[in-house]
């Protein structure tokens, strides 16, 4: 066989292989869409809620709080307020920022009696509510329902004097007032190097029934022997 003929055969075979490869690639399934983020795929696919009740006098003692007239201004004497209702995973962690769905100003206004900060309401929707699988209206209705279902122990409803309490005692008093949670369904968090009450957290099912908190939620609980509850101003 001449070298010229050999080169011709090689060129022909090469072209045929290239054509077959191109056809194969066209027939293979191909994902041309951008990779879906973990946050997007997790919308509605969480396991339970953590509800955070912020101690407003503690927030109002911070630099940020002192500049927040709506929550901390003269005559604004809030005690426990709703910080948020957060979807959580049983295995640990939580979804966040699952969509860019906007929040209607009417919904923000409706939440101000228990979440006295428009910026907080908007933030909680963007970061947590968008991962609930619910519409803004339904999500905040559920958040308000959860908040209103909590019985605040009498001496913590509107204290006019400073209270010093062991955080385990505070947790137990909340558990007694809310038997559906039990001691493991409540966590107490503190700030200021463990000196001051920051918030109380409660763990709930998707149907807003009390349930035990996961180890991860309880791990963040206050370890101090005594904490201070600042009084209403």
Protein backbone atom coordinates (compact mmCIF):
# COMPACT_ATOMS: atom_id res chain seq x y z
CA UNK A 1 0.00 0.00 0.00
CA UNK A 2 1.38 3.38 -0.96
CA UNK A 3 2.05 5.99 1.69
CA UNK A 4 -0.39 8.33 -0.06
CA UNK A 5 -3.21 5.79 0.14
CA UNK A 6 -2.37 5.04 3.80
CA UNK A 7 -2.60 8.74 4.68
CA UNK A 8 -5.95 8.97 2.90
CA UNK A 9 -7.37 6.03 4.85
CA UNK A 10 -6.16 7.48 8.16
CA UNK A 11 -7.70 10.86 7.35
CA UNK A 12 -11.02 9.22 6.43
CA UNK A 13 -11.14 7.15 9.61
CA UNK A 14 -10.25 10.22 11.72
CA UNK A 15 -13.11 12.21 10.20
CA UNK A 16 -15.56 9.36 10.79
CA UNK A 17 -14.49 9.03 14.44
CA UNK A 18 -14.88 12.77 14.98
CA UNK A 19 -18.36 12.70 13.46
CA UNK A 20 -19.40 9.77 15.65
CA UNK A 21 -18.07 11.48 18.78
CA UNK A 22 -19.99 14.67 18.00
CA UNK A 23 -23.21 12.67 17.44
CA UNK A 24 -22.70 10.79 20.72
CA UNK A 25 -22.27 14.03 22.64
CA UNK A 26 -25.49 15.39 21.15
CA UNK A 27 -27.41 12.32 22.25
CA UNK A 28 -26.05 12.28 25.80
CA UNK A 29 -28.21 14.03 28.48
CA UNK A 30 -26.71 17.39 29.24
CA UNK A 31 -27.45 19.80 32.10
CA UNK A 32 -27.06 23.26 30.66
CA UNK A 33 -28.73 24.96 33.62
CA UNK A 34 -26.69 26.54 36.42
CA UNK A 35 -26.19 24.30 39.44
CA UNK A 36 -29.03 24.73 41.91
CA UNK A 37 -27.82 26.03 45.25
CA UNK A 38 -28.36 24.01 48.41
CA UNK A 39 -30.53 26.83 49.74
CA UNK A 40 -32.86 26.76 46.74
CA UNK A 41 -33.38 22.99 46.89
CA UNK A 42 -34.09 23.12 50.62
CA UNK A 43 -37.17 25.36 50.42
CA UNK A 44 -39.79 23.72 52.60
CA UNK A 45 -37.58 20.66 53.11
CA UNK A 46 -36.62 21.28 56.71
CA UNK A 47 -37.45 19.25 59.81
CA UNK A 48 -38.57 21.60 62.60
CA UNK A 49 -38.68 25.21 63.78
CA UNK A 50 -36.73 27.14 66.38
CA UNK A 51 -38.63 30.16 67.68
CA UNK A 52 -36.50 32.89 69.20
CA UNK A 53 -37.96 35.23 71.82
CA UNK A 54 -35.67 38.21 72.29
CA UNK A 55 -35.53 40.02 75.63
CA UNK A 56 -36.18 43.56 74.43
CA UNK A 57 -34.64 45.44 77.43
CA UNK A 58 -31.39 43.62 76.72
CA UNK A 59 -31.46 44.64 73.07
CA UNK A 60 -32.31 48.23 73.99
CA UNK A 61 -29.20 48.41 76.17
CA UNK A 62 -26.95 47.79 73.15
CA UNK A 63 -25.58 50.48 70.85
CA UNK A 64 -27.90 49.35 68.06
CA UNK A 65 -30.91 49.28 70.35
CA UNK A 66 -30.31 52.77 71.73
CA UNK A 67 -30.70 54.09 68.17
CA UNK A 68 -33.90 52.15 67.51
CA UNK A 69 -36.70 54.52 68.51
CA UNK A 70 -39.46 52.21 67.31
CA UNK A 71 -38.53 49.39 69.68
CA UNK A 72 -36.58 51.26 72.34
CA UNK A 73 -37.80 54.86 72.27
CA UNK A 74 -39.58 56.62 75.10
CA UNK A 75 -42.69 54.73 76.15
CA UNK A 76 -41.83 51.64 74.07
CA UNK A 77 -41.78 49.15 76.93
CA UNK A 78 -41.49 45.77 75.29
CA UNK A 79 -40.54 42.61 77.21
CA UNK A 80 -40.21 39.39 75.19
CA UNK A 81 -40.63 40.03 71.47
CA UNK A 82 -40.51 37.66 68.53
CA UNK A 83 -37.07 37.57 66.97
CA UNK A 84 -37.87 34.89 64.44
CA UNK A 85 -39.22 31.48 63.46
CA UNK A 86 -36.37 29.53 61.90
CA UNK A 87 -36.54 26.34 59.82
CA UNK A 88 -33.95 23.82 61.04
CA UNK A 89 -32.50 20.47 59.99
CA UNK A 90 -32.57 17.51 62.37
CA UNK A 91 -29.01 16.62 61.43
CA UNK A 92 -27.81 20.15 62.21
CA UNK A 93 -27.69 23.46 60.38
CA UNK A 94 -30.48 25.32 58.63
CA UNK A 95 -31.47 26.61 55.20
CA UNK A 96 -31.28 30.33 54.52
CA UNK A 97 -31.87 32.92 51.79
CA UNK A 98 -33.88 30.50 49.66
CA UNK A 99 -35.51 33.01 47.31
CA UNK A 100 -35.75 36.69 46.45
CA UNK A 101 -39.54 36.90 46.94
CA UNK A 102 -40.48 40.37 48.11
CA UNK A 103 -42.33 41.20 51.31
CA UNK A 104 -45.42 43.39 51.30
CA UNK A 105 -45.34 46.44 53.59
CA UNK A 106 -48.78 45.51 54.91
CA UNK A 107 -47.37 42.27 56.32
CA UNK A 108 -44.49 44.16 57.93
CA UNK A 109 -46.93 46.54 59.63
CA UNK A 110 -49.07 43.66 60.88
CA UNK A 111 -46.08 42.13 62.70
CA UNK A 112 -44.89 45.27 64.50
CA UNK A 113 -46.87 44.63 67.73
CA UNK A 114 -44.74 41.53 68.38
CA UNK A 115 -41.70 42.25 66.14
CA UNK A 116 -41.26 46.00 66.67
CA UNK A 117 -38.73 46.60 63.91
CA UNK A 118 -39.56 46.74 60.18
CA UNK A 119 -35.95 45.97 59.37
CA UNK A 120 -36.07 42.84 61.54
CA UNK A 121 -39.30 41.63 59.91
CA UNK A 122 -37.82 42.07 56.43
CA UNK A 123 -34.56 40.40 57.45
CA UNK A 124 -36.31 37.40 59.00
CA UNK A 125 -38.37 36.84 55.86
CA UNK A 126 -35.35 37.05 53.55
CA UNK A 127 -33.09 34.83 55.61
CA UNK A 128 -35.51 32.33 57.15
CA UNK A 129 -39.07 32.73 55.91
CA UNK A 130 -38.16 32.17 52.27
CA UNK A 131 -37.02 28.65 53.24
CA UNK A 132 -40.32 27.71 54.91
CA UNK A 133 -42.12 26.78 51.69
CA UNK A 134 -44.87 29.20 52.74
CA UNK A 135 -46.06 32.48 51.34
CA UNK A 136 -45.10 35.60 53.33
CA UNK A 137 -48.66 35.95 54.62
CA UNK A 138 -48.89 32.33 55.80
CA UNK A 139 -45.35 32.29 57.21
CA UNK A 140 -45.86 35.35 59.40
CA UNK A 141 -49.32 34.18 60.44
CA UNK A 142 -47.65 30.98 61.61
CA UNK A 143 -44.89 32.93 63.37
CA UNK A 144 -47.48 35.02 65.21
CA UNK A 145 -49.43 31.90 66.13
CA UNK A 146 -46.29 30.31 67.57
CA UNK A 147 -45.43 33.44 69.55
CA UNK A 148 -48.94 33.80 70.95
CA UNK A 149 -49.01 30.14 71.99
CA UNK A 150 -46.14 30.65 74.45
CA UNK A 151 -47.06 31.27 78.09
CA UNK A 152 -44.58 33.71 79.62
CA UNK A 153 -44.10 32.99 83.34
CA UNK A 154 -45.79 35.75 85.31
CA UNK A 155 -42.69 37.32 86.87
CA UNK A 156 -41.04 37.70 83.45
CA UNK A 157 -43.94 39.41 81.68
CA UNK A 158 -43.13 43.02 82.58
CA UNK A 159 -40.53 43.28 85.38
CA UNK A 160 -39.94 46.81 86.61
CA UNK A 161 -36.90 45.78 88.62
CA UNK A 162 -33.82 43.86 87.61
CA UNK A 163 -34.07 40.09 88.02
CA UNK A 164 -31.09 37.85 88.67
CA UNK A 165 -31.78 34.21 87.91
CA UNK A 166 -30.01 30.94 87.15
CA UNK A 167 -30.54 30.20 83.42
CA UNK A 168 -31.51 26.59 84.18
CA UNK A 169 -34.16 27.90 86.57
CA UNK A 170 -35.45 30.29 83.92
CA UNK A 171 -35.60 27.45 81.40
CA UNK A 172 -37.43 25.23 83.88
CA UNK A 173 -39.99 27.93 84.66
CA UNK A 174 -40.71 28.31 80.95
CA UNK A 175 -41.03 24.53 80.64
CA UNK A 176 -43.49 24.38 83.56
CA UNK A 177 -45.56 27.17 82.00
CA UNK A 178 -45.42 25.36 78.63
CA UNK A 179 -45.63 21.60 79.34
CA UNK A 180 -45.72 20.73 75.65
CA UNK A 181 -42.04 21.68 75.40
CA UNK A 182 -40.47 20.16 78.48
CA UNK A 183 -37.04 21.16 79.75
CA UNK A 184 -35.29 19.98 76.56
CA UNK A 185 -37.62 21.99 74.37
CA UNK A 186 -36.33 25.32 75.73
CA UNK A 187 -32.89 26.96 75.54
CA UNK A 188 -31.78 30.16 77.28
CA UNK A 189 -29.09 32.32 75.64
CA UNK A 190 -27.09 35.10 77.24
CA UNK A 191 -24.85 37.96 76.12
CA UNK A 192 -22.26 40.30 77.65
CA UNK A 193 -19.86 37.50 78.60
CA UNK A 194 -22.73 35.51 80.00
CA UNK A 195 -24.03 38.25 82.28
CA UNK A 196 -27.33 39.22 80.64
CA UNK A 197 -30.35 37.42 79.23
CA UNK A 198 -30.38 37.67 75.45
CA UNK A 199 -33.21 35.40 74.36
CA UNK A 200 -35.22 32.27 75.02
CA UNK A 201 -35.57 29.72 72.23
CA UNK A 202 -38.27 27.06 71.86
CA UNK A 203 -38.27 24.10 69.49
CA UNK A 204 -41.47 23.28 67.61
CA UNK A 205 -42.65 20.80 65.02
CA UNK A 206 -43.88 22.06 61.65
CA UNK A 207 -47.38 21.94 63.17
CA UNK A 208 -46.17 24.16 66.04
CA UNK A 209 -46.28 21.42 68.64
CA UNK A 210 -43.54 21.43 71.27
CA UNK A 211 -40.63 19.02 70.79
CA UNK A 212 -37.13 18.45 72.24
CA UNK A 213 -34.39 20.65 70.81
CA UNK A 214 -31.47 19.06 69.02
CA UNK A 215 -28.05 18.88 70.64
CA UNK A 216 -26.90 21.66 68.31
CA UNK A 217 -29.60 24.05 69.55
CA UNK A 218 -28.95 23.23 73.20
CA UNK A 219 -25.18 23.58 72.74
CA UNK A 220 -25.57 27.35 72.40
CA UNK A 221 -27.38 27.68 75.73
CA UNK A 222 -26.03 29.97 78.46
CA UNK A 223 -23.47 28.34 80.77
CA UNK A 224 -23.43 31.06 83.45
CA UNK A 225 -24.55 30.40 87.02
CA UNK A 226 -26.53 33.64 87.16
CA UNK A 227 -27.82 36.01 84.49
CA UNK A 228 -29.41 39.44 84.72
CA UNK A 229 -32.74 40.31 83.17
CA UNK A 230 -32.77 44.04 82.64
CA UNK A 231 -36.11 45.60 83.64
CA UNK A 232 -38.52 47.36 81.33
CA UNK A 233 -37.52 50.99 81.00
